[in-house]
Amino acid sequence: MKLYYKTGACSLASRITLHEIGLPYEAVKVDTASGRDETGADYAEINENGYVPALALDDGEILTENVAILQYLAESHPKAGIGAENAPLPRARLTEALSFINSELHKSFGSLFRPMAPEARDKALATLNRRLESVEGQLGDGRPYLLGERFTVADAYLFVVLNWSIPLKIDLSSYPKIQAYRARVGARPAVQAALKAEGLA
């Protein structure tokens, strides 16, 4: 397989997942600004939307959208134990968590990477903090991972998005459970391997 990625972007969640499963893959870096991958090829031929991740499967199929890739990898390799239990409600809970991270947290953090007026930034930070309070509450019942006792692909995605607080210089000190969670997930060997592969650790 080939994983098309951008350093530190949400594609890092797919890389973490590949390491958790132990799958061999080729990583291809993409310059989303120029629309070219590291070989100089036109990335639009892989993903016409121009963003990462994209996963080229062994049979030539191309998967895009982080949530779809994460769920595909988890469901294709159930023995790794990083997906949902094979029942409607657990699967729905995983989709619920991935959807929240994608549509609320990712979007809230992502907006702060763009230049904006101070008033707009304050509003964006207020929205982000409401979302972080929700995550802090979900982790507040003592469970080590977002959905309970087991690490899942939702944790891979959440860890990556929460780590965007570092380049954005967002103080998470008022969220002790999130801080402990980041340290716990960050210590996993697969996470460390993925971070090192992108020069982030």
C-alpha atoms as a PDB file:
ATOM      1  CA  MET A   1       0.000   0.000   0.000  1.00  0.00           C
ATOM      2  CA  LYS A   2       0.961   3.637  -0.429  1.00  0.00           C
ATOM      3  CA  LEU A   3       0.035   6.311   2.099  1.00  0.00           C
ATOM      4  CA  TYR A   4       0.020   9.835   0.722  1.00  0.00           C
ATOM      5  CA  TYR A   5       0.714  12.184   3.605  1.00  0.00           C
ATOM      6  CA  LYS A   6       1.747  15.630   4.748  1.00  0.00           C
ATOM      7  CA  THR A   7       3.955  15.927   7.819  1.00  0.00           C
ATOM      8  CA  GLY A   8       1.917  16.311  10.993  1.00  0.00           C
ATOM      9  CA  ALA A   9      -1.397  16.504   9.139  1.00  0.00           C
ATOM     10  CA  CYS A  10      -4.391  14.286   9.864  1.00  0.00           C
ATOM     11  CA  SER A  11      -2.763  11.669   7.615  1.00  0.00           C
ATOM     12  CA  LEU A  12      -0.553  10.927  10.624  1.00  0.00           C
ATOM     13  CA  ALA A  13      -3.543   9.089  12.137  1.00  0.00           C
ATOM     14  CA  SER A  14      -3.523   6.694   9.184  1.00  0.00           C
ATOM     15  CA  ARG A  15       0.230   6.187   9.613  1.00  0.00           C
ATOM     16  CA  ILE A  16      -0.226   5.434  13.317  1.00  0.00           C
ATOM     17  CA  THR A  17      -2.929   2.932  12.412  1.00  0.00           C
ATOM     18  CA  LEU A  18      -0.695   1.196   9.868  1.00  0.00           C
ATOM     19  CA  HIS A  19       1.994   0.851  12.552  1.00  0.00           C
ATOM     20  CA  GLU A  20      -0.521  -0.422  15.124  1.00  0.00           C
ATOM     21  CA  ILE A  21      -1.608  -3.148  12.706  1.00  0.00           C
ATOM     22  CA  GLY A  22       1.953  -3.844  11.582  1.00  0.00           C
ATOM     23  CA  LEU A  23       1.269  -3.421   7.880  1.00  0.00           C
ATOM     24  CA  PRO A  24       4.059  -2.703   5.404  1.00  0.00           C
ATOM     25  CA  TYR A  25       3.459   0.455   3.390  1.00  0.00           C
ATOM     26  CA  GLU A  26       5.208   3.067   1.302  1.00  0.00           C
ATOM     27  CA  ALA A  27       4.859   6.673   2.438  1.00  0.00           C
ATOM     28  CA  VAL A  28       4.660   9.342  -0.261  1.00  0.00           C
ATOM     29  CA  LYS A  29       4.957  12.940   0.889  1.00  0.00           C
ATOM     30  CA  VAL A  30       2.622  15.473  -0.699  1.00  0.00           C
ATOM     31  CA  ASP A  31       3.090  19.208  -1.097  1.00  0.00           C
ATOM     32  CA  THR A  32      -0.538  20.273  -1.008  1.00  0.00           C
ATOM     33  CA  ALA A  33       0.381  23.847  -1.917  1.00  0.00           C
ATOM     34  CA  SER A  34       1.959  22.851  -5.237  1.00  0.00           C
ATOM     35  CA  GLY A  35      -0.285  19.847  -5.811  1.00  0.00           C
ATOM     36  CA  ARG A  36       2.709  17.563  -6.378  1.00  0.00           C
ATOM     37  CA  ASP A  37       3.975  14.564  -4.482  1.00  0.00           C
ATOM     38  CA  GLU A  38       7.636  14.037  -3.654  1.00  0.00           C
ATOM     39  CA  THR A  39       8.241  12.333  -7.003  1.00  0.00           C
ATOM     40  CA  GLY A  40       6.920  15.385  -8.855  1.00  0.00           C
ATOM     41  CA  ALA A  41       3.732  13.606  -9.921  1.00  0.00           C
ATOM     42  CA  ASP A  42       0.424  15.451 -10.074  1.00  0.00           C
ATOM     43  CA  TYR A  43      -1.330  14.545  -6.828  1.00  0.00           C
ATOM     44  CA  ALA A  44      -4.731  15.339  -8.373  1.00  0.00           C
ATOM     45  CA  GLU A  45      -4.397  12.045 -10.225  1.00  0.00           C
ATOM     46  CA  ILE A  46      -4.537  10.332  -6.819  1.00  0.00           C
ATOM     47  CA  ASN A  47      -6.961  12.642  -5.030  1.00  0.00           C
ATOM     48  CA  GLU A  48      -8.672  15.298  -7.106  1.00  0.00           C
ATOM     49  CA  ASN A  49      -9.506  17.215  -3.910  1.00  0.00           C
ATOM     50  CA  GLY A  50      -5.799  17.777  -3.318  1.00  0.00           C
ATOM     51  CA  TYR A  51      -5.635  17.049   0.387  1.00  0.00           C
ATOM     52  CA  VAL A  52      -4.318  14.142   2.450  1.00  0.00           C
ATOM     53  CA  PRO A  53      -4.539  11.356   3.323  1.00  0.00           C
ATOM     54  CA  ALA A  54      -5.034   9.041   0.419  1.00  0.00           C
ATOM     55  CA  LEU A  55      -4.356   5.330   0.605  1.00  0.00           C
ATOM     56  CA  ALA A  56      -3.537   3.339  -2.523  1.00  0.00           C
ATOM     57  CA  LEU A  57      -4.488  -0.269  -1.880  1.00  0.00           C
ATOM     58  CA  ASP A  58      -2.628  -3.255  -3.252  1.00  0.00           C
ATOM     59  CA  ASP A  59      -5.305  -3.812  -5.895  1.00  0.00           C
ATOM     60  CA  GLY A  60      -5.044  -0.235  -7.192  1.00  0.00           C
ATOM     61  CA  GLU A  61      -8.122   1.133  -5.435  1.00  0.00           C
ATOM     62  CA  ILE A  62      -7.657   4.596  -3.927  1.00  0.00           C
ATOM     63  CA  LEU A  63      -9.291   5.489  -0.628  1.00  0.00           C
ATOM     64  CA  THR A  64      -9.551   9.108   0.500  1.00  0.00           C
ATOM     65  CA  GLU A  65     -10.963  10.813   3.606  1.00  0.00           C
ATOM     66  CA  ASN A  66      -9.315  10.068   6.921  1.00  0.00           C
ATOM     67  CA  VAL A  67     -12.390   8.575   8.595  1.00  0.00           C
ATOM     68  CA  ALA A  68     -12.954   6.152   5.714  1.00  0.00           C
ATOM     69  CA  ILE A  69      -9.297   5.070   5.679  1.00  0.00           C
ATOM     70  CA  LEU A  70      -9.195   4.538   9.439  1.00  0.00           C
ATOM     71  CA  GLN A  71     -12.379   2.482   9.444  1.00  0.00           C
ATOM     72  CA  TYR A  72     -11.252   0.459   6.427  1.00  0.00           C
ATOM     73  CA  LEU A  73      -7.913  -0.401   8.043  1.00  0.00           C
ATOM     74  CA  ALA A  74      -9.523  -1.339  11.360  1.00  0.00           C
ATOM     75  CA  GLU A  75     -12.259  -3.465   9.794  1.00  0.00           C
ATOM     76  CA  SER A  76      -9.858  -5.156   7.355  1.00  0.00           C
ATOM     77  CA  HIS A  77      -7.612  -6.256  10.221  1.00  0.00           C
ATOM     78  CA  PRO A  78      -9.918  -7.182  13.116  1.00  0.00           C
ATOM     79  CA  LYS A  79      -7.201  -9.143  14.921  1.00  0.00           C
ATOM     80  CA  ALA A  80      -5.408  -5.851  15.605  1.00  0.00           C
ATOM     81  CA  GLY A  81      -8.294  -4.961  17.907  1.00  0.00           C
ATOM     82  CA  ILE A  82      -8.345  -1.256  17.045  1.00  0.00           C
ATOM     83  CA  GLY A  83     -11.808  -1.132  15.517  1.00  0.00           C
ATOM     84  CA  ALA A  84     -15.265  -1.589  16.956  1.00  0.00           C
ATOM     85  CA  GLU A  85     -16.734  -4.824  18.168  1.00  0.00           C
ATOM     86  CA  ASN A  86     -18.777  -6.499  15.449  1.00  0.00           C
ATOM     87  CA  ALA A  87     -22.176  -5.247  16.571  1.00  0.00           C
ATOM     88  CA  PRO A  88     -24.286  -2.281  15.478  1.00  0.00           C
ATOM     89  CA  LEU A  89     -23.968  -0.130  18.596  1.00  0.00           C
ATOM     90  CA  PRO A  90     -20.172  -0.413  19.047  1.00  0.00           C
ATOM     91  CA  ARG A  91     -19.704   0.331  15.334  1.00  0.00           C
ATOM     92  CA  ALA A  92     -21.998   3.333  15.654  1.00  0.00           C
ATOM     93  CA  ARG A  93     -20.073   4.560  18.717  1.00  0.00           C
ATOM     94  CA  LEU A  94     -16.802   4.414  16.786  1.00  0.00           C
ATOM     95  CA  THR A  95     -18.356   6.273  13.856  1.00  0.00           C
ATOM     96  CA  GLU A  96     -19.787   8.790  16.316  1.00  0.00           C
ATOM     97  CA  ALA A  97     -16.350   9.428  17.838  1.00  0.00           C
ATOM     98  CA  LEU A  98     -14.611   9.692  14.453  1.00  0.00           C
ATOM     99  CA  SER A  99     -17.316  12.025  13.163  1.00  0.00           C
ATOM    100  CA  PHE A 100     -16.995  14.319  16.186  1.00  0.00           C
ATOM    101  CA  ILE A 101     -13.210  14.501  15.827  1.00  0.00           C
ATOM    102  CA  ASN A 102     -13.478  15.116  12.090  1.00  0.00           C
ATOM    103  CA  SER A 103     -16.289  17.654  11.979  1.00  0.00           C
ATOM    104  CA  GLU A 104     -15.817  19.469  15.284  1.00  0.00           C
ATOM    105  CA  LEU A 105     -12.263  19.181  16.624  1.00  0.00           C
ATOM    106  CA  HIS A 106     -10.398  18.947  13.319  1.00  0.00           C
ATOM    107  CA  LYS A 107     -12.390  21.840  11.895  1.00  0.00           C
ATOM    108  CA  SER A 108     -11.941  23.954  15.046  1.00  0.00           C
ATOM    109  CA  PHE A 109      -8.184  23.437  15.210  1.00  0.00           C
ATOM    110  CA  GLY A 110      -7.802  23.713  11.448  1.00  0.00           C
ATOM    111  CA  SER A 111      -9.388  27.146  11.263  1.00  0.00           C
ATOM    112  CA  LEU A 112      -6.695  28.492  13.588  1.00  0.00           C
ATOM    113  CA  PHE A 113      -3.925  27.674  11.097  1.00  0.00           C
ATOM    114  CA  ARG A 114      -5.332  30.343   8.777  1.00  0.00           C
ATOM    115  CA  PRO A 115      -4.736  34.076   9.251  1.00  0.00           C
ATOM    116  CA  MET A 116      -7.721  35.802  10.829  1.00  0.00           C
ATOM    117  CA  ALA A 117      -8.672  38.982  12.633  1.00  0.00           C
ATOM    118  CA  PRO A 118      -8.216  38.966  16.435  1.00  0.00           C
ATOM    119  CA  GLU A 119     -11.982  38.956  17.028  1.00  0.00           C
ATOM    120  CA  ALA A 120     -12.458  35.986  14.712  1.00  0.00           C
ATOM    121  CA  ARG A 121      -9.585  34.135  16.390  1.00  0.00           C
ATOM    122  CA  ASP A 122     -11.110  34.709  19.824  1.00  0.00           C
ATOM    123  CA  LYS A 123     -14.401  33.301  18.585  1.00  0.00           C
ATOM    124  CA  ALA A 124     -12.652  30.275  17.041  1.00  0.00           C
ATOM    125  CA  LEU A 125     -10.764  29.640  20.296  1.00  0.00           C
ATOM    126  CA  ALA A 126     -14.003  29.817  22.276  1.00  0.00           C
ATOM    127  CA  THR A 127     -15.551  27.206  19.987  1.00  0.00           C
ATOM    128  CA  LEU A 128     -12.465  25.010  20.278  1.00  0.00           C
ATOM    129  CA  ASN A 129     -12.507  25.211  24.064  1.00  0.00           C
ATOM    130  CA  ARG A 130     -16.125  24.053  24.147  1.00  0.00           C
ATOM    131  CA  ARG A 131     -15.128  21.035  22.085  1.00  0.00           C
ATOM    132  CA  LEU A 132     -12.133  20.352  24.344  1.00  0.00           C
ATOM    133  CA  GLU A 133     -14.382  20.528  27.412  1.00  0.00           C
ATOM    134  CA  SER A 134     -16.494  17.814  25.803  1.00  0.00           C
ATOM    135  CA  VAL A 135     -13.439  15.593  25.302  1.00  0.00           C
ATOM    136  CA  GLU A 136     -12.252  16.274  28.861  1.00  0.00           C
ATOM    137  CA  GLY A 137     -15.674  15.175  30.090  1.00  0.00           C
ATOM    138  CA  GLN A 138     -15.595  11.985  28.021  1.00  0.00           C
ATOM    139  CA  LEU A 139     -12.235  11.100  29.519  1.00  0.00           C
ATOM    140  CA  GLY A 140     -13.427  12.062  32.985  1.00  0.00           C
ATOM    141  CA  ASP A 141     -14.827   8.701  33.979  1.00  0.00           C
ATOM    142  CA  GLY A 142     -11.354   7.204  34.272  1.00  0.00           C
ATOM    143  CA  ARG A 143     -11.289   5.362  30.985  1.00  0.00           C
ATOM    144  CA  PRO A 144      -7.827   5.350  29.404  1.00  0.00           C
ATOM    145  CA  TYR A 145      -9.034   5.759  25.813  1.00  0.00           C
ATOM    146  CA  LEU A 146     -11.833   7.633  24.122  1.00  0.00           C
ATOM    147  CA  LEU A 147     -14.169   4.641  23.860  1.00  0.00           C
ATOM    148  CA  GLY A 148     -13.074   2.768  26.954  1.00  0.00           C
ATOM    149  CA  GLU A 149     -10.300   0.361  27.842  1.00  0.00           C
ATOM    150  CA  ARG A 150      -9.100  -0.313  24.288  1.00  0.00           C
ATOM    151  CA  PHE A 151      -7.103   1.901  21.945  1.00  0.00           C
ATOM    152  CA  THR A 152      -8.993   2.392  18.671  1.00  0.00           C
ATOM    153  CA  VAL A 153      -8.514   4.306  15.444  1.00  0.00           C
ATOM    154  CA  ALA A 154     -10.482   7.151  17.071  1.00  0.00           C
ATOM    155  CA  ASP A 155      -7.582   7.568  19.500  1.00  0.00           C
ATOM    156  CA  ALA A 156      -5.088   7.730  16.636  1.00  0.00           C
ATOM    157  CA  TYR A 157      -7.087  10.572  15.093  1.00  0.00           C
ATOM    158  CA  LEU A 158      -7.769  12.389  18.366  1.00  0.00           C
ATOM    159  CA  PHE A 159      -4.093  12.273  19.360  1.00  0.00           C
ATOM    160  CA  VAL A 160      -3.028  13.854  16.071  1.00  0.00           C
ATOM    161  CA  VAL A 161      -5.597  16.645  16.272  1.00  0.00           C
ATOM    162  CA  LEU A 162      -4.814  17.413  19.923  1.00  0.00           C
ATOM    163  CA  ASN A 163      -1.124  17.639  19.030  1.00  0.00           C
ATOM    164  CA  TRP A 164      -1.907  20.571  16.756  1.00  0.00           C
ATOM    165  CA  SER A 165      -2.079  22.574  19.970  1.00  0.00           C
ATOM    166  CA  ILE A 166       1.752  22.559  19.918  1.00  0.00           C
ATOM    167  CA  PRO A 167       2.375  24.508  16.681  1.00  0.00           C
ATOM    168  CA  LEU A 168      -0.674  26.654  17.403  1.00  0.00           C
ATOM    169  CA  LYS A 169       0.639  27.413  20.929  1.00  0.00           C
ATOM    170  CA  ILE A 170      -2.699  26.561  22.532  1.00  0.00           C
ATOM    171  CA  ASP A 171      -2.403  25.981  26.278  1.00  0.00           C
ATOM    172  CA  LEU A 172      -4.083  22.742  27.349  1.00  0.00           C
ATOM    173  CA  SER A 173      -3.083  23.016  31.013  1.00  0.00           C
ATOM    174  CA  SER A 174      -6.705  23.489  32.073  1.00  0.00           C
ATOM    175  CA  TYR A 175      -7.487  20.029  30.652  1.00  0.00           C
ATOM    176  CA  PRO A 176      -5.549  17.590  32.858  1.00  0.00           C
ATOM    177  CA  LYS A 177      -7.299  14.495  31.541  1.00  0.00           C
ATOM    178  CA  ILE A 178      -6.518  15.475  27.960  1.00  0.00           C
ATOM    179  CA  GLN A 179      -2.889  16.057  28.925  1.00  0.00           C
ATOM    180  CA  ALA A 180      -2.657  12.633  30.580  1.00  0.00           C
ATOM    181  CA  TYR A 181      -4.392  11.073  27.579  1.00  0.00           C
ATOM    182  CA  ARG A 182      -1.936  12.654  25.126  1.00  0.00           C
ATOM    183  CA  ALA A 183       0.996  11.345  27.153  1.00  0.00           C
ATOM    184  CA  ARG A 184      -0.526   7.858  27.360  1.00  0.00           C
ATOM    185  CA  VAL A 185      -1.280   7.596  23.645  1.00  0.00           C
ATOM    186  CA  GLY A 186       2.002   9.272  22.709  1.00  0.00           C
ATOM    187  CA  ALA A 187       3.955   6.604  24.593  1.00  0.00           C
ATOM    188  CA  ARG A 188       2.573   3.770  22.468  1.00  0.00           C
ATOM    189  CA  PRO A 189       5.332   2.183  20.327  1.00  0.00           C
ATOM    190  CA  ALA A 190       3.296   2.534  17.120  1.00  0.00           C
ATOM    191  CA  VAL A 191       2.680   6.210  17.809  1.00  0.00           C
ATOM    192  CA  GLN A 192       6.354   6.811  18.519  1.00  0.00           C
ATOM    193  CA  ALA A 193       7.308   4.981  15.310  1.00  0.00           C
ATOM    194  CA  ALA A 194       4.876   7.072  13.253  1.00  0.00           C
ATOM    195  CA  LEU A 195       6.084  10.326  14.810  1.00  0.00           C
ATOM    196  CA  LYS A 196       9.707   9.395  14.162  1.00  0.00           C
ATOM    197  CA  ALA A 197       8.909   8.510  10.552  1.00  0.00           C
ATOM    198  CA  GLU A 198       7.698  12.086  10.035  1.00  0.00           C
ATOM    199  CA  GLY A 199      10.547  13.681  11.992  1.00  0.00           C
ATOM    200  CA  LEU A 200       8.239  14.710  14.813  1.00  0.00           C
ATOM    201  CA  ALA A 201       9.938  12.766  17.610  1.00  0.00           C
END
